[in-house]
Amino acid sequence: MSLLRVLLAIFFPPLSVIGYGCGSIIIVFLLTLCGWVPGIIGALVILNNTK
């Protein structure tokens, strides 16, 4: 997880998970529509996943 991705997750969460597939982008986008904080948390969880 790079610093640039973390900053993108804070300011524009869907853009930070763009390399993790379409499903991740949609999930984070929907969470961001529900609220800014859930979008950030969802993006950071996806970015922190080490699979």
Protein backbone atom coordinates (compact mmCIF):
# COMPACT_ATOMS: atom_id res chain seq x y z
CA MET A 1 0.00 0.00 0.00
CA SER A 2 1.67 3.16 -1.19
CA LEU A 3 1.30 6.66 0.17
CA LEU A 4 -0.30 7.84 -3.07
CA ARG A 5 -3.01 5.16 -2.82
CA VAL A 6 -3.73 6.10 0.80
CA LEU A 7 -4.06 9.77 -0.12
CA LEU A 8 -6.36 8.86 -3.01
CA ALA A 9 -8.41 6.71 -0.62
CA ILE A 10 -8.89 9.73 1.62
CA PHE A 11 -9.76 12.27 -1.07
CA PHE A 12 -11.41 10.12 -3.80
CA PRO A 13 -11.92 6.52 -2.64
CA PRO A 14 -13.12 4.91 -5.92
CA LEU A 15 -10.04 6.14 -7.77
CA SER A 16 -7.70 4.50 -5.28
CA VAL A 17 -9.02 0.96 -5.98
CA ILE A 18 -9.04 1.25 -9.77
CA GLY A 19 -6.45 -1.52 -10.15
CA TYR A 20 -8.44 -4.02 -8.09
CA GLY A 21 -11.26 -4.72 -10.55
CA CYS A 22 -14.66 -3.39 -11.46
CA GLY A 23 -16.40 -4.94 -8.45
CA SER A 24 -14.16 -3.13 -6.01
CA ILE A 25 -14.75 0.18 -7.74
CA ILE A 26 -18.52 -0.29 -7.63
CA ILE A 27 -18.52 -1.32 -3.96
CA VAL A 28 -16.36 1.63 -2.92
CA PHE A 29 -18.42 4.00 -5.08
CA LEU A 30 -21.65 2.85 -3.43
CA LEU A 31 -20.10 3.17 0.01
CA THR A 32 -18.93 6.67 -0.89
CA LEU A 33 -22.47 7.57 -1.95
CA CYS A 34 -23.69 6.43 1.48
CA GLY A 35 -21.09 8.60 3.16
CA TRP A 36 -17.56 9.77 2.80
CA VAL A 37 -16.20 7.85 5.81
CA PRO A 38 -17.62 4.44 4.76
CA GLY A 39 -16.05 4.95 1.33
CA ILE A 40 -12.66 5.66 2.88
CA ILE A 41 -12.90 2.64 5.17
CA GLY A 42 -13.93 0.37 2.28
CA ALA A 43 -11.10 1.61 0.09
CA LEU A 44 -8.52 1.15 2.85
CA VAL A 45 -9.78 -2.38 3.55
CA ILE A 46 -9.48 -3.30 -0.12
CA LEU A 47 -6.02 -1.70 -0.37
CA ASN A 48 -4.86 -3.51 2.78
CA ASN A 49 -5.98 -6.91 1.50
CA THR A 50 -2.77 -8.83 0.75
CA LYS A 51 -4.19 -11.69 -1.33
